[in-house]
Amino acid sequence: MSDDLIARLRAPLMPRHGIEREAADALEAQDRRIAELESMIAVHRLAVDVDALKARIADLEAALREAYEVYAGSDGFIPETAAEGYQQQLIKQMVDIIGAALAKENTDLRAARAAYLGEK
């Protein structure tokens, strides 16, 4: 009985001939094509995700610009209490962070454009 089991285990390792070989080749080709299609689907999903992320980033940048402009339009507010002064200090810190992020984006874009055009 163990000889029969060993023979069955070795059978797939033996070289195939004739129609078995053709069938095995066809299955291997089909497996390769399936792998290619799965890879194409994965790339397409990534492209869709990248487009969605770019749109989301653009939305967030627009919101940051709007928040920055709201603060810029609030000149002339004079805090009358310590709480108002502290609140204004916190808002100023947040606006500074937003301004730095927006300035960095602009600097990065300018640097990328300069590199593309070969400028210094």
N, C-alpha and C. Protein backbone atom coordinates (compact mmCIF):
# COMPACT_ATOMS: atom_id res chain seq x y z
N MET A 1 0.82 -1.19 0.00
CA MET A 1 0.00 0.00 0.00
C MET A 1 0.86 1.26 0.00
N SER A 2 1.94 1.31 0.70
CA SER A 2 2.80 2.48 0.72
C SER A 2 3.47 2.69 -0.64
N ASP A 3 3.75 1.62 -1.38
CA ASP A 3 4.31 1.77 -2.72
C ASP A 3 3.33 2.47 -3.65
N ASP A 4 2.05 2.15 -3.51
CA ASP A 4 1.03 2.80 -4.33
C ASP A 4 0.95 4.30 -4.01
N LEU A 5 1.04 4.63 -2.73
CA LEU A 5 1.01 6.03 -2.30
C LEU A 5 2.22 6.79 -2.85
N ILE A 6 3.39 6.19 -2.77
CA ILE A 6 4.61 6.81 -3.29
C ILE A 6 4.49 7.03 -4.79
N ALA A 7 3.94 6.06 -5.50
CA ALA A 7 3.77 6.19 -6.95
C ALA A 7 2.83 7.34 -7.28
N ARG A 8 1.74 7.49 -6.51
CA ARG A 8 0.80 8.59 -6.77
C ARG A 8 1.42 9.95 -6.45
N LEU A 9 2.26 10.00 -5.43
CA LEU A 9 2.92 11.26 -5.10
C LEU A 9 3.95 11.66 -6.14
N ARG A 10 4.62 10.67 -6.73
CA ARG A 10 5.63 10.96 -7.74
C ARG A 10 5.03 11.26 -9.10
N ALA A 11 3.81 10.90 -9.34
CA ALA A 11 3.19 11.05 -10.65
C ALA A 11 3.24 12.48 -11.17
N PRO A 12 2.93 13.49 -10.38
CA PRO A 12 2.99 14.85 -10.92
C PRO A 12 4.41 15.30 -11.27
N LEU A 13 5.42 14.66 -10.67
CA LEU A 13 6.80 15.05 -10.93
C LEU A 13 7.34 14.43 -12.22
N MET A 14 6.67 13.40 -12.70
CA MET A 14 7.13 12.73 -13.91
C MET A 14 6.81 13.60 -15.13
N PRO A 15 7.65 13.53 -16.17
CA PRO A 15 7.38 14.33 -17.36
C PRO A 15 6.07 13.92 -18.01
N ARG A 16 5.35 14.90 -18.52
CA ARG A 16 4.07 14.62 -19.16
C ARG A 16 4.28 14.47 -20.66
N HIS A 17 3.38 13.74 -21.28
CA HIS A 17 3.47 13.52 -22.72
C HIS A 17 2.10 13.71 -23.33
N GLY A 18 2.08 14.03 -24.60
CA GLY A 18 0.86 14.07 -25.36
C GLY A 18 -0.15 15.07 -24.85
N ILE A 19 -1.37 14.60 -24.73
CA ILE A 19 -2.48 15.49 -24.36
C ILE A 19 -2.34 16.00 -22.93
N GLU A 20 -1.71 15.21 -22.03
CA GLU A 20 -1.49 15.69 -20.66
C GLU A 20 -0.58 16.92 -20.68
N ARG A 21 0.43 16.87 -21.51
CA ARG A 21 1.37 17.98 -21.61
C ARG A 21 0.66 19.23 -22.17
N GLU A 22 -0.14 19.04 -23.21
CA GLU A 22 -0.88 20.15 -23.79
C GLU A 22 -1.84 20.77 -22.78
N ALA A 23 -2.53 19.92 -22.03
CA ALA A 23 -3.46 20.41 -21.01
C ALA A 23 -2.71 21.18 -19.93
N ALA A 24 -1.57 20.65 -19.50
CA ALA A 24 -0.76 21.31 -18.47
C ALA A 24 -0.26 22.66 -18.98
N ASP A 25 0.18 22.70 -20.24
CA ASP A 25 0.65 23.97 -20.82
C ASP A 25 -0.49 24.99 -20.90
N ALA A 26 -1.68 24.52 -21.30
CA ALA A 26 -2.84 25.40 -21.40
C ALA A 26 -3.22 25.96 -20.03
N LEU A 27 -3.17 25.12 -19.00
CA LEU A 27 -3.48 25.58 -17.64
C LEU A 27 -2.45 26.59 -17.15
N GLU A 28 -1.19 26.35 -17.46
CA GLU A 28 -0.15 27.29 -17.05
C GLU A 28 -0.33 28.63 -17.75
N ALA A 29 -0.66 28.59 -19.05
CA ALA A 29 -0.90 29.84 -19.79
C ALA A 29 -2.10 30.57 -19.22
N GLN A 30 -3.14 29.82 -18.88
CA GLN A 30 -4.33 30.43 -18.29
C GLN A 30 -4.00 31.05 -16.94
N ASP A 31 -3.22 30.35 -16.13
CA ASP A 31 -2.81 30.90 -14.83
C ASP A 31 -2.01 32.19 -14.99
N ARG A 32 -1.10 32.22 -16.00
CA ARG A 32 -0.32 33.43 -16.24
C ARG A 32 -1.24 34.59 -16.66
N ARG A 33 -2.20 34.32 -17.51
CA ARG A 33 -3.14 35.35 -17.97
C ARG A 33 -3.98 35.88 -16.81
N ILE A 34 -4.42 34.98 -15.94
CA ILE A 34 -5.20 35.38 -14.76
C ILE A 34 -4.34 36.28 -13.87
N ALA A 35 -3.08 35.93 -13.69
CA ALA A 35 -2.19 36.74 -12.87
C ALA A 35 -1.99 38.12 -13.50
N GLU A 36 -1.85 38.17 -14.83
CA GLU A 36 -1.72 39.45 -15.52
C GLU A 36 -2.96 40.32 -15.33
N LEU A 37 -4.14 39.70 -15.48
CA LEU A 37 -5.39 40.44 -15.31
C LEU A 37 -5.56 40.94 -13.88
N GLU A 38 -5.20 40.10 -12.91
CA GLU A 38 -5.28 40.53 -11.51
C GLU A 38 -4.35 41.70 -11.25
N SER A 39 -3.17 41.67 -11.88
CA SER A 39 -2.22 42.77 -11.74
C SER A 39 -2.77 44.04 -12.36
N MET A 40 -3.40 43.93 -13.54
CA MET A 40 -4.00 45.09 -14.19
C MET A 40 -5.12 45.67 -13.35
N ILE A 41 -5.92 44.82 -12.73
CA ILE A 41 -7.02 45.28 -11.88
C ILE A 41 -6.45 46.02 -10.66
N ALA A 42 -5.38 45.48 -10.08
CA ALA A 42 -4.77 46.12 -8.92
C ALA A 42 -4.23 47.50 -9.30
N VAL A 43 -3.59 47.60 -10.46
CA VAL A 43 -3.07 48.90 -10.91
C VAL A 43 -4.21 49.88 -11.14
N HIS A 44 -5.31 49.41 -11.73
CA HIS A 44 -6.46 50.27 -11.97
C HIS A 44 -7.04 50.77 -10.64
N ARG A 45 -7.13 49.89 -9.67
CA ARG A 45 -7.65 50.30 -8.36
C ARG A 45 -6.75 51.35 -7.74
N LEU A 46 -5.42 51.17 -7.88
CA LEU A 46 -4.49 52.16 -7.35
C LEU A 46 -4.69 53.49 -8.04
N ALA A 47 -4.86 53.48 -9.35
CA ALA A 47 -5.06 54.72 -10.09
C ALA A 47 -6.32 55.42 -9.62
N VAL A 48 -7.37 54.68 -9.40
CA VAL A 48 -8.62 55.26 -8.90
C VAL A 48 -8.41 55.84 -7.51
N ASP A 49 -7.69 55.10 -6.66
CA ASP A 49 -7.42 55.58 -5.32
C ASP A 49 -6.58 56.85 -5.36
N VAL A 50 -5.60 56.91 -6.26
CA VAL A 50 -4.75 58.09 -6.36
C VAL A 50 -5.58 59.29 -6.80
N ASP A 51 -6.47 59.10 -7.77
CA ASP A 51 -7.33 60.20 -8.21
C ASP A 51 -8.22 60.69 -7.08
N ALA A 52 -8.77 59.77 -6.31
CA ALA A 52 -9.62 60.15 -5.18
C ALA A 52 -8.81 60.89 -4.12
N LEU A 53 -7.60 60.42 -3.88
CA LEU A 53 -6.74 61.09 -2.90
C LEU A 53 -6.34 62.49 -3.36
N LYS A 54 -6.04 62.63 -4.64
CA LYS A 54 -5.69 63.96 -5.16
C LYS A 54 -6.87 64.92 -5.01
N ALA A 55 -8.06 64.43 -5.28
CA ALA A 55 -9.25 65.27 -5.13
C ALA A 55 -9.44 65.66 -3.66
N ARG A 56 -9.24 64.72 -2.77
CA ARG A 56 -9.39 65.00 -1.33
C ARG A 56 -8.35 66.01 -0.86
N ILE A 57 -7.12 65.86 -1.33
CA ILE A 57 -6.05 66.80 -0.97
C ILE A 57 -6.40 68.20 -1.46
N ALA A 58 -6.90 68.29 -2.68
CA ALA A 58 -7.29 69.60 -3.22
C ALA A 58 -8.40 70.23 -2.38
N ASP A 59 -9.36 69.42 -1.96
CA ASP A 59 -10.43 69.93 -1.10
C ASP A 59 -9.88 70.44 0.23
N LEU A 60 -8.99 69.69 0.83
CA LEU A 60 -8.41 70.09 2.11
C LEU A 60 -7.56 71.35 1.97
N GLU A 61 -6.81 71.45 0.88
CA GLU A 61 -6.01 72.66 0.66
C GLU A 61 -6.92 73.87 0.49
N ALA A 62 -8.02 73.70 -0.21
CA ALA A 62 -8.96 74.81 -0.38
C ALA A 62 -9.54 75.22 0.98
N ALA A 63 -9.85 74.26 1.82
CA ALA A 63 -10.37 74.56 3.15
C ALA A 63 -9.33 75.29 3.99
N LEU A 64 -8.07 74.89 3.89
CA LEU A 64 -7.01 75.58 4.62
C LEU A 64 -6.86 77.02 4.14
N ARG A 65 -6.91 77.22 2.83
CA ARG A 65 -6.81 78.58 2.30
C ARG A 65 -7.97 79.44 2.80
N GLU A 66 -9.16 78.85 2.81
CA GLU A 66 -10.34 79.58 3.27
C GLU A 66 -10.20 79.95 4.75
N ALA A 67 -9.73 79.01 5.57
CA ALA A 67 -9.52 79.30 7.00
C ALA A 67 -8.49 80.41 7.18
N TYR A 68 -7.45 80.36 6.38
CA TYR A 68 -6.42 81.39 6.45
C TYR A 68 -6.99 82.76 6.08
N GLU A 69 -7.81 82.79 5.04
CA GLU A 69 -8.42 84.05 4.60
C GLU A 69 -9.40 84.59 5.63
N VAL A 70 -10.13 83.71 6.31
CA VAL A 70 -11.06 84.16 7.36
C VAL A 70 -10.27 84.89 8.44
N TYR A 71 -9.14 84.32 8.86
CA TYR A 71 -8.33 84.97 9.88
C TYR A 71 -7.76 86.29 9.35
N ALA A 72 -7.29 86.27 8.10
CA ALA A 72 -6.69 87.48 7.53
C ALA A 72 -7.71 88.61 7.47
N GLY A 73 -8.98 88.28 7.32
CA GLY A 73 -10.02 89.29 7.26
C GLY A 73 -10.51 89.77 8.62
N SER A 74 -9.92 89.23 9.68
CA SER A 74 -10.39 89.60 11.03
C SER A 74 -9.49 90.63 11.69
N ASP A 75 -8.72 91.37 10.91
CA ASP A 75 -7.85 92.41 11.47
C ASP A 75 -8.68 93.44 12.23
N GLY A 76 -8.10 93.95 13.28
CA GLY A 76 -8.77 95.00 14.03
C GLY A 76 -9.47 94.50 15.28
N PHE A 77 -9.51 93.19 15.50
CA PHE A 77 -10.13 92.68 16.72
C PHE A 77 -9.18 92.91 17.88
N ILE A 78 -9.65 93.56 18.90
CA ILE A 78 -8.83 93.83 20.08
C ILE A 78 -9.44 93.05 21.25
N PRO A 79 -8.69 92.05 21.74
CA PRO A 79 -9.22 91.27 22.87
C PRO A 79 -9.37 92.14 24.11
N GLU A 80 -10.50 91.94 24.79
CA GLU A 80 -10.77 92.75 25.98
C GLU A 80 -10.59 91.97 27.28
N THR A 81 -10.57 90.65 27.17
CA THR A 81 -10.38 89.83 28.38
C THR A 81 -9.20 88.90 28.15
N ALA A 82 -8.72 88.33 29.25
CA ALA A 82 -7.61 87.37 29.15
C ALA A 82 -8.02 86.16 28.31
N ALA A 83 -9.26 85.72 28.46
CA ALA A 83 -9.74 84.57 27.69
C ALA A 83 -9.73 84.89 26.19
N GLU A 84 -10.16 86.10 25.83
CA GLU A 84 -10.14 86.49 24.42
C GLU A 84 -8.71 86.59 23.90
N GLY A 85 -7.82 87.09 24.73
CA GLY A 85 -6.41 87.19 24.34
C GLY A 85 -5.81 85.82 24.10
N TYR A 86 -6.13 84.89 25.02
CA TYR A 86 -5.61 83.53 24.87
C TYR A 86 -6.20 82.87 23.62
N GLN A 87 -7.48 83.08 23.41
CA GLN A 87 -8.14 82.52 22.22
C GLN A 87 -7.49 83.08 20.95
N GLN A 88 -7.23 84.38 20.93
CA GLN A 88 -6.60 84.97 19.76
C GLN A 88 -5.19 84.41 19.55
N GLN A 89 -4.48 84.16 20.64
CA GLN A 89 -3.13 83.59 20.55
C GLN A 89 -3.19 82.18 19.93
N LEU A 90 -4.17 81.37 20.38
CA LEU A 90 -4.31 80.03 19.82
C LEU A 90 -4.67 80.07 18.33
N ILE A 91 -5.58 80.95 17.99
CA ILE A 91 -5.97 81.08 16.58
C ILE A 91 -4.77 81.52 15.74
N LYS A 92 -3.98 82.44 16.25
CA LYS A 92 -2.79 82.91 15.53
C LYS A 92 -1.81 81.76 15.32
N GLN A 93 -1.64 80.91 16.32
CA GLN A 93 -0.75 79.76 16.17
C GLN A 93 -1.26 78.81 15.09
N MET A 94 -2.57 78.57 15.08
CA MET A 94 -3.15 77.69 14.06
C MET A 94 -2.97 78.29 12.67
N VAL A 95 -3.18 79.58 12.54
CA VAL A 95 -3.02 80.25 11.25
C VAL A 95 -1.56 80.20 10.79
N ASP A 96 -0.65 80.35 11.72
CA ASP A 96 0.77 80.24 11.36
C ASP A 96 1.10 78.84 10.83
N ILE A 97 0.53 77.83 11.44
CA ILE A 97 0.73 76.45 10.97
C ILE A 97 0.16 76.28 9.57
N ILE A 98 -1.05 76.79 9.37
CA ILE A 98 -1.70 76.70 8.05
C ILE A 98 -0.87 77.46 7.01
N GLY A 99 -0.45 78.67 7.37
CA GLY A 99 0.36 79.48 6.45
C GLY A 99 1.65 78.79 6.07
N ALA A 100 2.31 78.16 7.05
CA ALA A 100 3.55 77.44 6.76
C ALA A 100 3.30 76.26 5.83
N ALA A 101 2.20 75.54 6.04
CA ALA A 101 1.87 74.41 5.17
C ALA A 101 1.58 74.88 3.76
N LEU A 102 0.83 75.97 3.62
CA LEU A 102 0.53 76.48 2.28
C LEU A 102 1.79 77.04 1.61
N ALA A 103 2.65 77.68 2.37
CA ALA A 103 3.90 78.21 1.80
C ALA A 103 4.81 77.08 1.35
N LYS A 104 4.85 76.01 2.14
CA LYS A 104 5.68 74.86 1.77
C LYS A 104 5.18 74.26 0.47
N GLU A 105 3.87 74.15 0.33
CA GLU A 105 3.30 73.60 -0.91
C GLU A 105 3.74 74.46 -2.09
N ASN A 106 3.65 75.78 -1.95
CA ASN A 106 4.03 76.68 -3.04
C ASN A 106 5.51 76.56 -3.34
N THR A 107 6.34 76.46 -2.31
CA THR A 107 7.79 76.31 -2.49
C THR A 107 8.09 75.01 -3.21
N ASP A 108 7.41 73.91 -2.80
CA ASP A 108 7.61 72.62 -3.44
C ASP A 108 7.22 72.68 -4.91
N LEU A 109 6.11 73.36 -5.21
CA LEU A 109 5.67 73.46 -6.60
C LEU A 109 6.65 74.28 -7.42
N ARG A 110 7.14 75.38 -6.83
CA ARG A 110 8.12 76.21 -7.55
C ARG A 110 9.40 75.43 -7.81
N ALA A 111 9.85 74.67 -6.82
CA ALA A 111 11.08 73.88 -6.98
C ALA A 111 10.89 72.79 -8.04
N ALA A 112 9.74 72.15 -8.03
CA ALA A 112 9.47 71.10 -9.02
C ALA A 112 9.43 71.71 -10.42
N ARG A 113 8.78 72.87 -10.55
CA ARG A 113 8.70 73.53 -11.86
C ARG A 113 10.09 73.92 -12.33
N ALA A 114 10.89 74.48 -11.43
CA ALA A 114 12.25 74.90 -11.79
C ALA A 114 13.10 73.70 -12.21
N ALA A 115 12.97 72.60 -11.49
CA ALA A 115 13.72 71.39 -11.84
C ALA A 115 13.29 70.87 -13.20
N TYR A 116 12.01 70.92 -13.47
CA TYR A 116 11.49 70.44 -14.75
C TYR A 116 12.00 71.30 -15.90
N LEU A 117 12.03 72.61 -15.67
CA LEU A 117 12.47 73.53 -16.72
C LEU A 117 13.98 73.72 -16.75
N GLY A 118 14.68 73.12 -15.79
CA GLY A 118 16.13 73.23 -15.76
C GLY A 118 16.62 74.56 -15.23
N GLU A 119 15.77 75.22 -14.46
CA GLU A 119 16.15 76.51 -13.89
C GLU A 119 16.79 76.30 -12.53
N LYS A 120 17.42 77.38 -12.03
CA LYS A 120 18.01 77.31 -10.70
C LYS A 120 17.20 78.10 -9.72
